[in-house]
């Protein structure tokens, strides 16, 4: 084979390699891109229950705080509206009235208006004590309910923040990979065009 044929063959090989490289060039980021696209769907089931609980707790908590700010007295009346005497109230009342009755009998004023007024005062004092004890416990339970709802909103916020961070990181990684992949393609295309130009030059020299 003479040098002319060798030159022609080398030029054709250079052109063919360049064209093949241009048609076969794949973005190297494509292989990893699919994995990053799966991240939101993969992590969502772990965050979703807390996000939903937080979303449901927000309107409940907001409604309760609105009532407390706008009309706290009405909220107290609402809490106190379900008041019931404690099981020990009747026993304490009977004991107190019995003792007062014995004292009235010993003092000679049993059955008098004074005795009746004394009994009413005893019943009123014990009733108020029982009511305020009940309200104190009821308000503590109400506060625990508010704290519980606040906990759900905080968990929802934390879960939403973590979820958005995961998505943002995945998108940032995709953008970085896409940029680097495009850069690699540009460099490969330049190399392929160099092969083609070189092959054309070789052909021109021997034709």
Protein backbone atom coordinates (compact mmCIF):
# COMPACT_ATOMS: atom_id res chain seq x y z
CA UNK A 1 0.00 0.00 0.00
CA UNK A 2 1.47 3.39 -1.01
CA UNK A 3 1.67 6.47 1.19
CA UNK A 4 -1.21 8.08 -0.69
CA UNK A 5 -3.57 5.29 0.30
CA UNK A 6 -2.28 5.37 3.85
CA UNK A 7 -2.99 9.10 4.09
CA UNK A 8 -6.45 8.73 2.66
CA UNK A 9 -7.18 5.90 5.10
CA UNK A 10 -5.93 7.93 8.08
CA UNK A 11 -8.03 10.92 7.05
CA UNK A 12 -11.13 8.81 6.64
CA UNK A 13 -10.48 7.16 9.99
CA UNK A 14 -10.18 10.56 11.66
CA UNK A 15 -13.43 11.77 10.11
CA UNK A 16 -15.20 8.53 11.04
CA UNK A 17 -13.96 8.68 14.63
CA UNK A 18 -15.11 12.27 14.96
CA UNK A 19 -18.57 11.57 13.54
CA UNK A 20 -18.96 8.45 15.66
CA UNK A 21 -17.99 10.40 18.75
CA UNK A 22 -20.49 13.14 17.97
CA UNK A 23 -23.37 10.71 17.49
CA UNK A 24 -22.43 8.53 20.45
CA UNK A 25 -21.75 11.33 22.95
CA UNK A 26 -24.03 10.91 25.96
CA UNK A 27 -24.38 13.32 28.83
CA UNK A 28 -22.44 11.66 31.69
CA UNK A 29 -24.84 13.22 34.17
CA UNK A 30 -27.79 11.22 32.84
CA UNK A 31 -26.77 8.09 34.73
CA UNK A 32 -26.92 9.76 38.13
CA UNK A 33 -29.78 12.13 37.38
CA UNK A 34 -32.42 9.44 37.77
CA UNK A 35 -31.29 8.67 41.30
CA UNK A 36 -31.58 12.29 42.40
CA UNK A 37 -35.04 12.51 40.85
CA UNK A 38 -36.13 9.63 43.07
CA UNK A 39 -35.14 11.38 46.30
CA UNK A 40 -38.38 13.37 46.91
CA UNK A 41 -40.57 10.34 46.40
CA UNK A 42 -38.30 8.12 48.50
CA UNK A 43 -38.17 10.38 51.56
CA UNK A 44 -41.75 11.70 51.38
CA UNK A 45 -43.41 8.73 53.20
CA UNK A 46 -41.20 9.35 56.23
CA UNK A 47 -42.09 13.04 56.51
CA UNK A 48 -45.68 13.01 55.24
CA UNK A 49 -47.46 11.84 58.46
CA UNK A 50 -45.86 14.63 60.49
CA UNK A 51 -46.56 17.19 57.80
CA UNK A 52 -50.23 16.16 57.67
CA UNK A 53 -50.54 16.19 61.46
CA UNK A 54 -49.08 19.68 61.54
CA UNK A 55 -51.44 20.93 58.83
CA UNK A 56 -54.46 19.57 60.72
CA UNK A 57 -53.30 21.03 64.05
CA UNK A 58 -52.77 24.58 62.76
CA UNK A 59 -56.46 25.59 62.34
CA UNK A 60 -57.43 23.96 65.67
CA UNK A 61 -54.67 25.77 67.53
CA UNK A 62 -55.38 29.06 65.79
CA UNK A 63 -59.08 28.82 66.69
CA UNK A 64 -58.33 28.21 70.37
CA UNK A 65 -55.84 31.08 70.57
CA UNK A 66 -58.33 33.39 68.86
CA UNK A 67 -60.94 32.55 71.50
CA UNK A 68 -58.47 33.14 74.32
CA UNK A 69 -57.37 36.50 72.92
CA UNK A 70 -60.81 37.79 71.96
CA UNK A 71 -62.81 36.64 74.99
CA UNK A 72 -60.91 34.76 77.73
CA UNK A 73 -63.91 34.98 80.07
CA UNK A 74 -66.06 33.12 77.58
CA UNK A 75 -63.41 30.40 77.33
CA UNK A 76 -63.43 30.04 81.14
CA UNK A 77 -67.22 29.82 81.12
CA UNK A 78 -67.01 27.23 78.38
CA UNK A 79 -64.57 25.16 80.43
CA UNK A 80 -66.61 25.59 83.61
CA UNK A 81 -69.83 24.71 81.84
CA UNK A 82 -69.11 21.00 82.21
CA UNK A 83 -68.40 21.24 85.94
CA UNK A 84 -69.63 18.41 88.15
CA UNK A 85 -69.15 18.01 91.89
CA UNK A 86 -66.42 15.61 92.83
CA UNK A 87 -67.29 12.26 94.44
CA UNK A 88 -65.86 13.47 97.74
CA UNK A 89 -67.93 16.63 97.87
CA UNK A 90 -71.12 15.02 99.19
CA UNK A 91 -69.22 13.14 101.87
CA UNK A 92 -67.37 16.28 102.99
CA UNK A 93 -70.65 18.24 103.04
CA UNK A 94 -72.43 15.64 105.14
CA UNK A 95 -69.57 15.53 107.61
CA UNK A 96 -69.44 19.33 107.88
CA UNK A 97 -73.21 19.69 108.28
CA UNK A 98 -73.30 16.93 110.84
CA UNK A 99 -70.64 18.58 112.93
CA UNK A 100 -72.37 21.95 112.64
CA UNK A 101 -75.64 20.32 113.66
CA UNK A 102 -74.12 18.84 116.81
CA UNK A 103 -72.62 22.23 117.67
CA UNK A 104 -75.96 23.93 117.10
CA UNK A 105 -77.75 21.39 119.29
CA UNK A 106 -75.20 21.83 122.02
CA UNK A 107 -75.55 25.61 121.75
CA UNK A 108 -79.32 25.48 121.82
CA UNK A 109 -79.91 27.03 118.39
CA UNK A 110 -80.50 23.91 116.30
CA UNK A 111 -83.18 24.46 113.66
CA UNK A 112 -83.07 28.24 114.02
CA UNK A 113 -82.44 30.70 111.14
CA UNK A 114 -78.92 31.07 112.45
CA UNK A 115 -78.40 27.32 112.10
CA UNK A 116 -79.79 27.36 108.55
CA UNK A 117 -77.52 30.25 107.57
CA UNK A 118 -74.54 28.41 108.99
CA UNK A 119 -75.40 25.34 106.92
CA UNK A 120 -75.69 27.46 103.75
CA UNK A 121 -72.28 29.00 104.37
CA UNK A 122 -70.72 25.57 104.86
CA UNK A 123 -72.29 24.25 101.65
CA UNK A 124 -71.22 27.38 99.72
CA UNK A 125 -67.63 27.22 100.95
CA UNK A 126 -67.27 23.53 100.16
CA UNK A 127 -68.94 24.00 96.76
CA UNK A 128 -66.62 26.88 95.79
CA UNK A 129 -63.60 24.91 96.92
CA UNK A 130 -64.70 21.91 94.87
CA UNK A 131 -65.42 24.12 91.83
CA UNK A 132 -62.07 25.91 91.88
CA UNK A 133 -60.22 22.65 92.36
CA UNK A 134 -62.06 21.26 89.37
CA UNK A 135 -61.34 24.38 87.27
CA UNK A 136 -57.67 24.22 88.17
CA UNK A 137 -57.42 20.63 86.91
CA UNK A 138 -59.54 21.42 83.85
CA UNK A 139 -57.31 24.36 82.89
CA UNK A 140 -54.22 22.21 83.30
CA UNK A 141 -55.71 19.63 80.96
CA UNK A 142 -56.70 22.38 78.52
CA UNK A 143 -53.14 23.71 78.60
CA UNK A 144 -51.83 20.21 77.97
CA UNK A 145 -54.13 19.99 74.94
CA UNK A 146 -52.81 23.28 73.57
CA UNK A 147 -49.23 22.12 74.12
CA UNK A 148 -50.02 18.87 72.32
CA UNK A 149 -51.43 20.69 69.30
CA UNK A 150 -48.41 23.02 69.34
CA UNK A 151 -46.19 19.95 69.33
CA UNK A 152 -47.93 18.68 66.19
CA UNK A 153 -47.43 22.02 64.45
CA UNK A 154 -43.75 22.06 65.43
CA UNK A 155 -43.29 18.51 64.15
CA UNK A 156 -45.04 19.46 60.92
CA UNK A 157 -42.79 22.49 60.50
CA UNK A 158 -39.67 20.42 61.16
CA UNK A 159 -40.78 17.71 58.72
CA UNK A 160 -41.69 20.27 56.05
CA UNK A 161 -38.35 22.02 56.47
CA UNK A 162 -36.43 18.74 56.23
CA UNK A 163 -38.43 17.69 53.19
CA UNK A 164 -37.82 21.00 51.42
CA UNK A 165 -34.11 20.76 52.27
CA UNK A 166 -33.96 17.28 50.73
CA UNK A 167 -35.67 18.49 47.56
CA UNK A 168 -33.47 21.59 47.36
CA UNK A 169 -30.31 19.51 47.76
CA UNK A 170 -31.47 17.06 45.11
CA UNK A 171 -32.27 19.90 42.69
CA UNK A 172 -28.93 21.55 43.38
CA UNK A 173 -27.14 18.26 42.73
CA UNK A 174 -29.07 17.78 39.48
CA UNK A 175 -28.20 21.29 38.37
CA UNK A 176 -24.52 20.73 39.18
CA UNK A 177 -24.47 17.40 37.36
CA UNK A 178 -26.28 18.88 34.36
CA UNK A 179 -23.75 21.73 34.15
CA UNK A 180 -20.78 19.41 34.42
CA UNK A 181 -22.31 16.99 31.93
CA UNK A 182 -22.92 19.78 29.43
CA UNK A 183 -19.35 20.99 29.93
CA UNK A 184 -18.04 17.48 29.30
CA UNK A 185 -20.18 17.23 26.15
CA UNK A 186 -18.84 20.56 24.92
CA UNK A 187 -15.26 19.44 25.43
CA UNK A 188 -15.96 16.10 23.73
CA UNK A 189 -17.60 17.87 20.78
CA UNK A 190 -14.57 20.11 20.41
CA UNK A 191 -12.33 17.07 20.37
CA UNK A 192 -14.54 15.37 17.78
CA UNK A 193 -14.51 18.42 15.54
CA UNK A 194 -10.74 18.44 15.87
CA UNK A 195 -10.65 14.84 14.64
CA UNK A 196 -12.84 15.72 11.67
CA UNK A 197 -10.82 18.79 10.74
CA UNK A 198 -7.62 16.83 11.14
CA UNK A 199 -8.98 14.04 8.96
CA UNK A 200 -10.04 16.53 6.29
CA UNK A 201 -6.59 18.06 6.36
CA UNK A 202 -4.98 14.68 5.91
CA UNK A 203 -7.29 13.88 3.00
CA UNK A 204 -6.61 17.24 1.40
CA UNK A 205 -2.88 16.69 1.65
CA UNK A 206 -3.01 13.35 -0.18
CA UNK A 207 -5.78 14.03 -2.70
